PDB file of N, CA and C in Angstrom:
ATOM      1  N   MET A   1      26.979 -25.951 -59.845  1.00  0.00           N
ATOM      2  CA  MET A   1      27.278 -25.770 -58.561  1.00  0.00           C
ATOM      3  C   MET A   1      28.137 -25.016 -57.997  1.00  0.00           C
ATOM      4  N   PRO A   2      27.890 -24.168 -56.720  1.00  0.00           N
ATOM      5  CA  PRO A   2      27.992 -23.411 -56.575  1.00  0.00           C
ATOM      6  C   PRO A   2      29.262 -22.936 -55.893  1.00  0.00           C
ATOM      7  N   GLU A   3      29.960 -21.960 -55.442  1.00  0.00           N
ATOM      8  CA  GLU A   3      31.740 -22.027 -55.538  1.00  0.00           C
ATOM      9  C   GLU A   3      31.711 -22.282 -53.848  1.00  0.00           C
ATOM     10  N   PRO A   4      32.901 -22.964 -53.426  1.00  0.00           N
ATOM     11  CA  PRO A   4      32.519 -22.952 -52.021  1.00  0.00           C
ATOM     12  C   PRO A   4      33.065 -21.786 -51.006  1.00  0.00           C
ATOM     13  N   GLU A   5      33.842 -20.786 -51.778  1.00  0.00           N
ATOM     14  CA  GLU A   5      33.993 -19.855 -51.254  1.00  0.00           C
ATOM     15  C   GLU A   5      32.509 -18.971 -50.783  1.00  0.00           C
ATOM     16  N   HIS A   6      31.892 -18.906 -52.135  1.00  0.00           N
ATOM     17  CA  HIS A   6      30.641 -18.459 -51.944  1.00  0.00           C
ATOM     18  C   HIS A   6      29.729 -18.380 -50.962  1.00  0.00           C
ATOM     19  N   GLU A   7      29.209 -20.216 -51.117  1.00  0.00           N
ATOM     20  CA  GLU A   7      28.862 -20.923 -49.792  1.00  0.00           C
ATOM     21  C   GLU A   7      29.246 -20.473 -48.453  1.00  0.00           C
ATOM     22  N   ALA A   8      30.424 -20.449 -48.288  1.00  0.00           N
ATOM     23  CA  ALA A   8      31.108 -20.330 -46.978  1.00  0.00           C
ATOM     24  C   ALA A   8      30.612 -18.848 -46.987  1.00  0.00           C
ATOM     25  N   GLY A   9      30.939 -17.722 -47.302  1.00  0.00           N
ATOM     26  CA  GLY A   9      30.500 -16.388 -47.021  1.00  0.00           C
ATOM     27  C   GLY A   9      28.855 -16.541 -46.825  1.00  0.00           C
ATOM     28  N   ARG A  10      28.092 -17.044 -47.229  1.00  0.00           N
ATOM     29  CA  ARG A  10      27.048 -16.878 -47.089  1.00  0.00           C
ATOM     30  C   ARG A  10      26.010 -18.017 -45.624  1.00  0.00           C
ATOM     31  N   LEU A  11      27.176 -18.612 -45.563  1.00  0.00           N
ATOM     32  CA  LEU A  11      26.715 -19.602 -44.112  1.00  0.00           C
ATOM     33  C   LEU A  11      27.086 -18.849 -43.041  1.00  0.00           C
ATOM     34  N   ARG A  12      28.478 -17.904 -43.342  1.00  0.00           N
ATOM     35  CA  ARG A  12      28.841 -16.610 -42.290  1.00  0.00           C
ATOM     36  C   ARG A  12      27.811 -15.884 -42.006  1.00  0.00           C
ATOM     37  N   LEU A  13      26.868 -15.123 -43.269  1.00  0.00           N
ATOM     38  CA  LEU A  13      26.278 -14.073 -42.701  1.00  0.00           C
ATOM     39  C   LEU A  13      24.857 -14.244 -42.507  1.00  0.00           C
ATOM     40  N   ILE A  14      24.362 -16.214 -42.492  1.00  0.00           N
ATOM     41  CA  ILE A  14      23.270 -16.501 -42.124  1.00  0.00           C
ATOM     42  C   ILE A  14      23.166 -16.739 -40.638  1.00  0.00           C
ATOM     43  N   ASP A  15      24.526 -17.442 -40.113  1.00  0.00           N
ATOM     44  CA  ASP A  15      25.445 -17.349 -38.705  1.00  0.00           C
ATOM     45  C   ASP A  15      25.452 -16.041 -37.867  1.00  0.00           C
ATOM     46  N   GLY A  16      25.780 -14.837 -38.872  1.00  0.00           N
ATOM     47  CA  GLY A  16      25.828 -13.994 -38.140  1.00  0.00           C
ATOM     48  C   GLY A  16      24.439 -13.509 -37.598  1.00  0.00           C
ATOM     49  N   ALA A  17      23.102 -13.424 -38.566  1.00  0.00           N
ATOM     50  CA  ALA A  17      22.220 -12.553 -38.484  1.00  0.00           C
ATOM     51  C   ALA A  17      21.213 -13.159 -37.910  1.00  0.00           C
ATOM     52  N   ALA A  18      21.639 -14.720 -37.429  1.00  0.00           N
ATOM     53  CA  ALA A  18      20.911 -15.730 -36.788  1.00  0.00           C
ATOM     54  C   ALA A  18      21.599 -14.929 -35.371  1.00  0.00           C
ATOM     55  N   LEU A  19      22.985 -14.798 -34.784  1.00  0.00           N
ATOM     56  CA  LEU A  19      23.443 -14.578 -33.781  1.00  0.00           C
ATOM     57  C   LEU A  19      22.882 -12.995 -33.434  1.00  0.00           C
ATOM     58  N   LEU A  20      22.921 -11.977 -34.018  1.00  0.00           N
ATOM     59  CA  LEU A  20      22.282 -10.885 -34.059  1.00  0.00           C
ATOM     60  C   LEU A  20      20.657 -11.017 -33.652  1.00  0.00           C
ATOM     61  N   LEU A  21      20.238 -11.674 -34.150  1.00  0.00           N
ATOM     62  CA  LEU A  21      18.822 -12.032 -34.039  1.00  0.00           C
ATOM     63  C   LEU A  21      18.735 -12.401 -32.369  1.00  0.00           C
ATOM     64  N   VAL A  22      19.150 -13.511 -31.612  1.00  0.00           N
ATOM     65  CA  VAL A  22      19.057 -13.949 -30.759  1.00  0.00           C
ATOM     66  C   VAL A  22      19.823 -12.592 -29.602  1.00  0.00           C
ATOM     67  N   PHE A  23      20.763 -11.871 -29.818  1.00  0.00           N
ATOM     68  CA  PHE A  23      21.192 -10.992 -29.122  1.00  0.00           C
ATOM     69  C   PHE A  23      20.342 -10.145 -29.219  1.00  0.00           C
ATOM     70  N   VAL A  24      19.682  -9.677 -29.976  1.00  0.00           N
ATOM     71  CA  VAL A  24      18.199  -8.498 -29.741  1.00  0.00           C
ATOM     72  C   VAL A  24      17.487  -8.875 -28.899  1.00  0.00           C
ATOM     73  N   ALA A  25      16.723 -10.354 -28.920  1.00  0.00           N
ATOM     74  CA  ALA A  25      15.814 -11.226 -28.395  1.00  0.00           C
ATOM     75  C   ALA A  25      16.548 -10.970 -26.916  1.00  0.00           C
ATOM     76  N   VAL A  26      17.687 -11.343 -26.768  1.00  0.00           N
ATOM     77  CA  VAL A  26      17.862 -11.548 -25.109  1.00  0.00           C
ATOM     78  C   VAL A  26      17.851  -9.627 -24.767  1.00  0.00           C
ATOM     79  N   VAL A  27      18.452  -9.149 -25.380  1.00  0.00           N
ATOM     80  CA  VAL A  27      18.406  -7.950 -24.806  1.00  0.00           C
ATOM     81  C   VAL A  27      16.711  -7.233 -24.554  1.00  0.00           C
ATOM     82  N   ASN A  28      15.791  -7.357 -25.355  1.00  0.00           N
ATOM     83  CA  ASN A  28      14.645  -7.428 -25.104  1.00  0.00           C
ATOM     84  C   ASN A  28      14.013  -7.516 -24.174  1.00  0.00           C
ATOM     85  N   PHE A  29      14.181  -9.023 -24.248  1.00  0.00           N
ATOM     86  CA  PHE A  29      13.565  -9.652 -22.956  1.00  0.00           C
ATOM     87  C   PHE A  29      14.471  -8.851 -21.715  1.00  0.00           C
ATOM     88  N   ALA A  30      15.553  -9.078 -21.611  1.00  0.00           N
ATOM     89  CA  ALA A  30      16.085  -8.159 -20.366  1.00  0.00           C
ATOM     90  C   ALA A  30      15.933  -6.985 -20.392  1.00  0.00           C
ATOM     91  N   HIS A  31      15.263  -6.276 -21.009  1.00  0.00           N
ATOM     92  CA  HIS A  31      14.657  -4.653 -20.701  1.00  0.00           C
ATOM     93  C   HIS A  31      13.535  -4.808 -20.125  1.00  0.00           C
ATOM     94  N   TYR A  32      12.384  -5.918 -20.744  1.00  0.00           N
ATOM     95  CA  TYR A  32      11.399  -5.678 -20.295  1.00  0.00           C
ATOM     96  C   TYR A  32      11.055  -6.713 -18.781  1.00  0.00           C
ATOM     97  N   ALA A  33      12.080  -7.312 -18.555  1.00  0.00           N
ATOM     98  CA  ALA A  33      12.731  -7.953 -16.981  1.00  0.00           C
ATOM     99  C   ALA A  33      12.814  -7.030 -16.004  1.00  0.00           C
ATOM    100  N   ILE A  34      13.419  -6.208 -16.646  1.00  0.00           N
ATOM    101  CA  ILE A  34      13.527  -4.863 -15.708  1.00  0.00           C
ATOM    102  C   ILE A  34      13.099  -4.021 -15.564  1.00  0.00           C
ATOM    103  N   GLN A  35      12.496  -3.246 -16.716  1.00  0.00           N
ATOM    104  CA  GLN A  35      11.901  -2.212 -16.532  1.00  0.00           C
ATOM    105  C   GLN A  35       9.782  -2.388 -16.973  1.00  0.00           C
ATOM    106  N   GLY A  36       9.694  -3.154 -17.700  1.00  0.00           N
ATOM    107  CA  GLY A  36       8.302  -4.048 -17.914  1.00  0.00           C
ATOM    108  C   GLY A  36       7.466  -3.855 -16.967  1.00  0.00           C
ATOM    109  N   ASP A  37       6.494  -4.040 -17.376  1.00  0.00           N
ATOM    110  CA  ASP A  37       5.232  -3.982 -16.442  1.00  0.00           C
ATOM    111  C   ASP A  37       5.475  -4.463 -15.362  1.00  0.00           C
ATOM    112  N   TYR A  38       5.794  -5.665 -15.111  1.00  0.00           N
ATOM    113  CA  TYR A  38       6.263  -6.705 -14.220  1.00  0.00           C
ATOM    114  C   TYR A  38       7.452  -7.206 -13.782  1.00  0.00           C
ATOM    115  N   GLY A  39       8.233  -5.815 -14.187  1.00  0.00           N
ATOM    116  CA  GLY A  39       9.950  -5.984 -14.261  1.00  0.00           C
ATOM    117  C   GLY A  39      10.026  -5.576 -12.774  1.00  0.00           C
ATOM    118  N   VAL A  40      11.433  -5.339 -12.881  1.00  0.00           N
ATOM    119  CA  VAL A  40      12.085  -5.489 -11.076  1.00  0.00           C
ATOM    120  C   VAL A  40      12.164  -3.975 -10.513  1.00  0.00           C
ATOM    121  N   PHE A  41      11.761  -3.211 -11.582  1.00  0.00           N
ATOM    122  CA  PHE A  41      11.277  -1.742 -11.371  1.00  0.00           C
ATOM    123  C   PHE A  41       9.839  -1.675 -10.527  1.00  0.00           C
ATOM    124  N   ALA A  42       9.034  -2.284 -11.617  1.00  0.00           N
ATOM    125  CA  ALA A  42       7.430  -2.228 -10.789  1.00  0.00           C
ATOM    126  C   ALA A  42       7.524  -2.845  -9.670  1.00  0.00           C
ATOM    127  N   LEU A  43       8.354  -3.704  -9.671  1.00  0.00           N
ATOM    128  CA  LEU A  43       8.069  -4.966  -7.594  1.00  0.00           C
ATOM    129  C   LEU A  43       8.644  -4.082  -6.987  1.00  0.00           C
ATOM    130  N   MET A  44       9.535  -2.807  -7.198  1.00  0.00           N
ATOM    131  CA  MET A  44      10.052  -2.243  -6.327  1.00  0.00           C
ATOM    132  C   MET A  44       8.962  -1.098  -5.767  1.00  0.00           C
ATOM    133  N   GLU A  45       8.299  -0.720  -6.767  1.00  0.00           N
ATOM    134  CA  GLU A  45       7.083   0.570  -6.466  1.00  0.00           C
ATOM    135  C   GLU A  45       6.024  -0.604  -6.217  1.00  0.00           C
ATOM    136  N   ILE A  46       5.602  -1.402  -6.620  1.00  0.00           N
ATOM    137  CA  ILE A  46       4.740  -2.192  -5.400  1.00  0.00           C
ATOM    138  C   ILE A  46       4.841  -2.407  -4.033  1.00  0.00           C
ATOM    139  N   GLU A  47       6.285  -2.715  -3.720  1.00  0.00           N
ATOM    140  CA  GLU A  47       6.970  -3.042  -2.552  1.00  0.00           C
ATOM    141  C   GLU A  47       7.013  -2.044  -1.508  1.00  0.00           C
ATOM    142  N   ALA A  48       7.251  -0.757  -1.942  1.00  0.00           N
ATOM    143  CA  ALA A  48       7.234   0.680  -1.696  1.00  0.00           C
ATOM    144  C   ALA A  48       5.702   1.060  -1.107  1.00  0.00           C
ATOM    145  N   GLU A  49       5.033   0.593  -1.771  1.00  0.00           N
ATOM    146  CA  GLU A  49       3.560   1.278  -1.724  1.00  0.00           C
ATOM    147  C   GLU A  49       2.732   0.374  -1.065  1.00  0.00           C
ATOM    148  N   ARG A  50       3.307  -0.490  -0.913  1.00  0.00           N
ATOM    149  CA  ARG A  50       2.594  -1.657  -0.391  1.00  0.00           C
ATOM    150  C   ARG A  50       3.393  -1.611   1.170  1.00  0.00           C
ATOM    151  N   ALA A  51       4.574  -0.565   1.604  1.00  0.00           N
ATOM    152  CA  ALA A  51       5.314  -0.448   3.189  1.00  0.00           C
ATOM    153  C   ALA A  51       4.228   0.437   3.361  1.00  0.00           C
ATOM    154  N   ALA A  52       4.158   1.365   2.575  1.00  0.00           N
ATOM    155  CA  ALA A  52       3.490   2.874   2.774  1.00  0.00           C
ATOM    156  C   ALA A  52       1.637   2.146   3.603  1.00  0.00           C
ATOM    157  N   LEU A  53       0.842   1.577   2.791  1.00  0.00           N
ATOM    158  CA  LEU A  53      -0.179   0.874   2.840  1.00  0.00           C
ATOM    159  C   LEU A  53      -0.062   0.084   4.596  1.00  0.00           C
ATOM    160  N   VAL A  54       0.757  -0.319   4.633  1.00  0.00           N
ATOM    161  CA  VAL A  54       0.948  -1.466   6.045  1.00  0.00           C
ATOM    162  C   VAL A  54       0.931  -0.009   6.816  1.00  0.00           C
ATOM    163  N   GLU A  55       1.463   1.301   6.917  1.00  0.00           N
ATOM    164  CA  GLU A  55       1.753   1.892   7.498  1.00  0.00           C
ATOM    165  C   GLU A  55       0.871   2.631   7.838  1.00  0.00           C
ATOM    166  N   ASP A  56      -0.118   3.133   6.676  1.00  0.00           N
ATOM    167  CA  ASP A  56      -1.458   3.769   7.053  1.00  0.00           C
ATOM    168  C   ASP A  56      -2.791   2.583   8.114  1.00  0.00           C
ATOM    169  N   LEU A  57      -2.576   1.439   7.820  1.00  0.00           N
ATOM    170  CA  LEU A  57      -3.414   0.290   8.057  1.00  0.00           C
ATOM    171  C   LEU A  57      -3.115   0.447   9.278  1.00  0.00           C
ATOM    172  N   ALA A  58      -1.876   0.636   9.721  1.00  0.00           N
ATOM    173  CA  ALA A  58      -1.557   0.316  11.718  1.00  0.00           C
ATOM    174  C   ALA A  58      -1.978   1.509  12.132  1.00  0.00           C
ATOM    175  N   ALA A  59      -1.970   2.598  11.515  1.00  0.00           N
ATOM    176  CA  ALA A  59      -2.238   4.152  12.285  1.00  0.00           C
ATOM    177  C   ALA A  59      -3.707   4.442  12.342  1.00  0.00           C
ATOM    178  N   LEU A  60      -4.400   3.593  11.342  1.00  0.00           N
ATOM    179  CA  LEU A  60      -6.135   4.022  11.379  1.00  0.00           C
ATOM    180  C   LEU A  60      -6.241   2.710  12.225  1.00  0.00           C
ATOM    181  N   ARG A  61      -6.005   1.337  12.503  1.00  0.00           N
ATOM    182  CA  ARG A  61      -5.999   0.876  13.621  1.00  0.00           C
ATOM    183  C   ARG A  61      -6.016   1.549  15.204  1.00  0.00           C
ATOM    184  N   ALA A  62      -5.099   1.515  14.649  1.00  0.00           N
ATOM    185  CA  ALA A  62      -4.479   2.418  16.417  1.00  0.00           C
ATOM    186  C   ALA A  62      -5.366   3.636  16.715  1.00  0.00           C
ATOM    187  N   GLU A  63      -6.072   4.090  15.415  1.00  0.00           N
ATOM    188  CA  GLU A  63      -6.829   5.346  15.655  1.00  0.00           C
ATOM    189  C   GLU A  63      -8.227   4.615  15.958  1.00  0.00           C
ATOM    190  N   ARG A  64      -8.631   3.313  15.205  1.00  0.00           N
ATOM    191  CA  ARG A  64      -9.931   3.313  15.736  1.00  0.00           C
ATOM    192  C   ARG A  64     -10.035   2.599  17.036  1.00  0.00           C
ATOM    193  N   ALA A  65      -8.757   1.883  17.946  1.00  0.00           N
ATOM    194  CA  ALA A  65      -8.632   1.559  18.834  1.00  0.00           C
ATOM    195  C   ALA A  65      -9.059   3.034  19.650  1.00  0.00           C
ATOM    196  N   GLN A  66      -8.082   3.809  19.681  1.00  0.00           N
ATOM    197  CA  GLN A  66      -8.651   4.633  20.515  1.00  0.00           C
ATOM    198  C   GLN A  66     -10.110   5.641  20.400  1.00  0.00           C
ATOM    199  N   LEU A  67     -10.443   5.330  19.433  1.00  0.00           N
ATOM    200  CA  LEU A  67     -11.837   6.166  19.366  1.00  0.00           C
ATOM    201  C   LEU A  67     -13.203   4.731  19.916  1.00  0.00           C
ATOM    202  N   GLU A  68     -12.663   3.283  19.843  1.00  0.00           N
ATOM    203  CA  GLU A  68     -13.737   2.057  20.795  1.00  0.00           C
ATOM    204  C   GLU A  68     -13.379   3.112  22.353  1.00  0.00           C
ATOM    205  N   THR A  69     -12.135   3.208  22.506  1.00  0.00           N
ATOM    206  CA  THR A  69     -11.988   3.083  24.081  1.00  0.00           C
ATOM    207  C   THR A  69     -12.472   4.509  24.515  1.00  0.00           C
ATOM    208  N   LEU A  70     -12.437   5.662  23.359  1.00  0.00           N
ATOM    209  CA  LEU A  70     -13.386   6.814  24.122  1.00  0.00           C
ATOM    210  C   LEU A  70     -14.896   6.607  24.220  1.00  0.00           C
ATOM    211  N   THR A  71     -15.366   5.677  22.573  1.00  0.00           N
ATOM    212  CA  THR A  71     -17.196   5.212  23.021  1.00  0.00           C
ATOM    213  C   THR A  71     -17.467   4.247  23.693  1.00  0.00           C
ATOM    214  N   ALA A  72     -16.621   3.925  24.429  1.00  0.00           N
ATOM    215  CA  ALA A  72     -17.001   2.431  24.886  1.00  0.00           C
ATOM    216  C   ALA A  72     -18.017   2.744  26.159  1.00  0.00           C
ATOM    217  N   GLY A  73     -17.699   4.062  26.609  1.00  0.00           N
ATOM    218  CA  GLY A  73     -18.724   4.804  27.857  1.00  0.00           C
ATOM    219  C   GLY A  73     -19.956   4.664  27.622  1.00  0.00           C
ATOM    220  N   LEU A  74     -20.000   5.292  26.083  1.00  0.00           N
ATOM    221  CA  LEU A  74     -21.487   5.542  25.713  1.00  0.00           C
ATOM    222  C   LEU A  74     -22.808   4.394  25.458  1.00  0.00           C
ATOM    223  N   SER A  75     -21.856   3.024  25.912  1.00  0.00           N
ATOM    224  CA  SER A  75     -23.098   2.078  25.278  1.00  0.00           C
ATOM    225  C   SER A  75     -24.161   2.237  26.556  1.00  0.00           C
ATOM    226  N   ALA A  76     -25.460   1.812  26.553  1.00  0.00           N
ATOM    227  CA  ALA A  76     -26.705   2.197  27.457  1.00  0.00           C
ATOM    228  C   ALA A  76     -26.390   1.192  28.787  1.00  0.00           C
ATOM    229  N   SER A  77     -25.757   0.065  28.757  1.00  0.00           N
ATOM    230  CA  SER A  77     -25.648  -0.611  29.813  1.00  0.00           C
ATOM    231  C   SER A  77     -24.354   0.179  30.638  1.00  0.00           C
ATOM    232  N   ALA A  78     -23.447   1.016  29.949  1.00  0.00           N
ATOM    233  CA  ALA A  78     -22.485   1.983  30.809  1.00  0.00           C
ATOM    234  C   ALA A  78     -22.834   3.104  31.372  1.00  0.00           C
ATOM    235  N   LEU A  79     -23.584   3.463  30.838  1.00  0.00           N
ATOM    236  CA  LEU A  79     -24.058   5.124  30.858  1.00  0.00           C
ATOM    237  C   LEU A  79     -25.007   5.385  32.487  1.00  0.00           C
ATOM    238  N   ASP A  80     -24.418   5.543  33.065  1.00  0.00           N
ATOM    239  CA  ASP A  80     -25.205   6.258  34.699  1.00  0.00           C
ATOM    240  C   ASP A  80     -25.850   7.519  34.334  1.00  0.00           C
ATOM    241  N   LEU A  81     -26.966   7.537  34.261  1.00  0.00           N
ATOM    242  CA  LEU A  81     -28.164   8.397  33.485  1.00  0.00           C
ATOM    243  C   LEU A  81     -28.108   9.534  34.567  1.00  0.00           C
ATOM    244  N   ASP A  82     -28.105   9.681  36.360  1.00  0.00           N
ATOM    245  CA  ASP A  82     -28.200  10.856  36.992  1.00  0.00           C
ATOM    246  C   ASP A  82     -26.554  11.357  36.557  1.00  0.00           C
ATOM    247  N   LEU A  83     -25.532  10.387  36.592  1.00  0.00           N
ATOM    248  CA  LEU A  83     -24.223  11.156  36.220  1.00  0.00           C
ATOM    249  C   LEU A  83     -23.898  12.134  35.156  1.00  0.00           C
ATOM    250  N   LEU A  84     -25.044  11.713  33.944  1.00  0.00           N
ATOM    251  CA  LEU A  84     -25.113  12.056  32.605  1.00  0.00           C
ATOM    252  C   LEU A  84     -25.964  13.187  33.058  1.00  0.00           C
ATOM    253  N   ASP A  85     -26.963  13.264  33.528  1.00  0.00           N
ATOM    254  CA  ASP A  85     -27.728  14.747  34.050  1.00  0.00           C
ATOM    255  C   ASP A  85     -27.429  15.338  34.196  1.00  0.00           C
ATOM    256  N   GLU A  86     -26.358  15.299  35.596  1.00  0.00           N
ATOM    257  CA  GLU A  86     -25.287  16.370  36.496  1.00  0.00           C
ATOM    258  C   GLU A  86     -24.527  16.997  35.607  1.00  0.00           C
ATOM    259  N   ARG A  87     -24.022  16.128  34.804  1.00  0.00           N
ATOM    260  CA  ARG A  87     -22.911  16.352  33.811  1.00  0.00           C
ATOM    261  C   ARG A  87     -23.406  17.693  32.687  1.00  0.00           C
ATOM    262  N   ALA A  88     -24.716  17.338  31.929  1.00  0.00           N
ATOM    263  CA  ALA A  88     -25.248  18.218  30.891  1.00  0.00           C
ATOM    264  C   ALA A  88     -25.473  19.370  31.958  1.00  0.00           C
ATOM    265  N   ARG A  89     -26.127  19.118  33.263  1.00  0.00           N
ATOM    266  CA  ARG A  89     -26.454  20.725  33.903  1.00  0.00           C
ATOM    267  C   ARG A  89     -25.479  21.523  34.119  1.00  0.00           C
ATOM    268  N   ALA A  90     -24.189  20.915  34.262  1.00  0.00           N
ATOM    269  CA  ALA A  90     -23.055  21.391  34.772  1.00  0.00           C
ATOM    270  C   ALA A  90     -22.312  22.039  33.696  1.00  0.00           C
ATOM    271  N   VAL A  91     -22.024  21.464  32.577  1.00  0.00           N
ATOM    272  CA  VAL A  91     -22.236  21.994  31.555  1.00  0.00           C
ATOM    273  C   VAL A  91     -22.979  22.887  30.630  1.00  0.00           C
ATOM    274  N   LEU A  92     -24.194  22.683  31.015  1.00  0.00           N
ATOM    275  CA  LEU A  92     -25.107  23.942  30.371  1.00  0.00           C
ATOM    276  C   LEU A  92     -25.373  25.226  31.420  1.00  0.00           C
ATOM    277  N   GLY A  93     -24.817  24.697  32.559  1.00  0.00           N
ATOM    278  CA  GLY A  93     -24.753  26.229  33.481  1.00  0.00           C
ATOM    279  C   GLY A  93     -26.601  26.105  34.188  1.00  0.00           C
ATOM    280  N   LEU A  94     -26.741  25.019  34.170  1.00  0.00           N
ATOM    281  CA  LEU A  94     -28.237  24.647  34.760  1.00  0.00           C
ATOM    282  C   LEU A  94     -28.141  24.203  36.237  1.00  0.00           C
ATOM    283  N   MET A  95     -27.444  24.015  36.629  1.00  0.00           N
ATOM    284  CA  MET A  95     -27.603  23.386  37.744  1.00  0.00           C
ATOM    285  C   MET A  95     -28.066  24.372  39.002  1.00  0.00           C
ATOM    286  N   ARG A  96     -28.844  24.091  40.206  1.00  0.00           N
ATOM    287  CA  ARG A  96     -29.224  24.882  40.487  1.00  0.00           C
ATOM    288  C   ARG A  96     -28.289  24.927  42.447  1.00  0.00           C
ATOM    289  N   SER A  97     -28.475  25.814  42.735  1.00  0.00           N
ATOM    290  CA  SER A  97     -27.865  26.137  43.983  1.00  0.00           C
ATOM    291  C   SER A  97     -27.316  25.909  44.836  1.00  0.00           C
ATOM    292  N   ASP A  98     -28.244  24.544  45.348  1.00  0.00           N
ATOM    293  CA  ASP A  98     -28.458  23.785  46.473  1.00  0.00           C
ATOM    294  C   ASP A  98     -27.938  22.555  46.240  1.00  0.00           C
ATOM    295  N   GLU A  99     -27.270  22.173  44.529  1.00  0.00           N
ATOM    296  CA  GLU A  99     -26.616  20.822  44.229  1.00  0.00           C
ATOM    297  C   GLU A  99     -25.559  21.252  44.699  1.00  0.00           C
ATOM    298  N   ILE A 100     -24.988  19.837  44.735  1.00  0.00           N
ATOM    299  CA  ILE A 100     -23.486  19.530  44.713  1.00  0.00           C
ATOM    300  C   ILE A 100     -22.404  19.253  43.939  1.00  0.00           C
ATOM    301  N   ARG A 101     -21.679  19.799  43.495  1.00  0.00           N
ATOM    302  CA  ARG A 101     -21.049  20.152  42.244  1.00  0.00           C
ATOM    303  C   ARG A 101     -19.881  18.772  42.415  1.00  0.00           C
ATOM    304  N   LEU A 102     -19.657  17.576  41.357  1.00  0.00           N
ATOM    305  CA  LEU A 102     -18.597  17.170  41.548  1.00  0.00           C
ATOM    306  C   LEU A 102     -17.380  17.099  40.319  1.00  0.00           C
ATOM    307  N   PRO A 103     -16.444  16.832  40.829  1.00  0.00           N
ATOM    308  CA  PRO A 103     -15.455  16.909  39.614  1.00  0.00           C
ATOM    309  C   PRO A 103     -15.230  16.062  38.326  1.00  0.00           C
TER     310      PRO A 103
END
């Protein structure tokens, strides 16, 4: 028959080892919850990258709107061919001396 003191010491050792194992598991999970691939720090990096991309998207949309405004007059229905001809000859210096120059 085992001795009661020896049995109690062994139970305390098993309890201590189980407690240590649970503690290590909790610390491990906490570490990965904070610094893991899907942890708090990774979430903060993703949010910062998202904010930067949203700003880039807003700048690109503004640039696109500006370019669309500038090129809206180049459609075939909006072009006045006489005015285009006059401006091209004025820029190239091919206007005749009897033509009236518009600003």
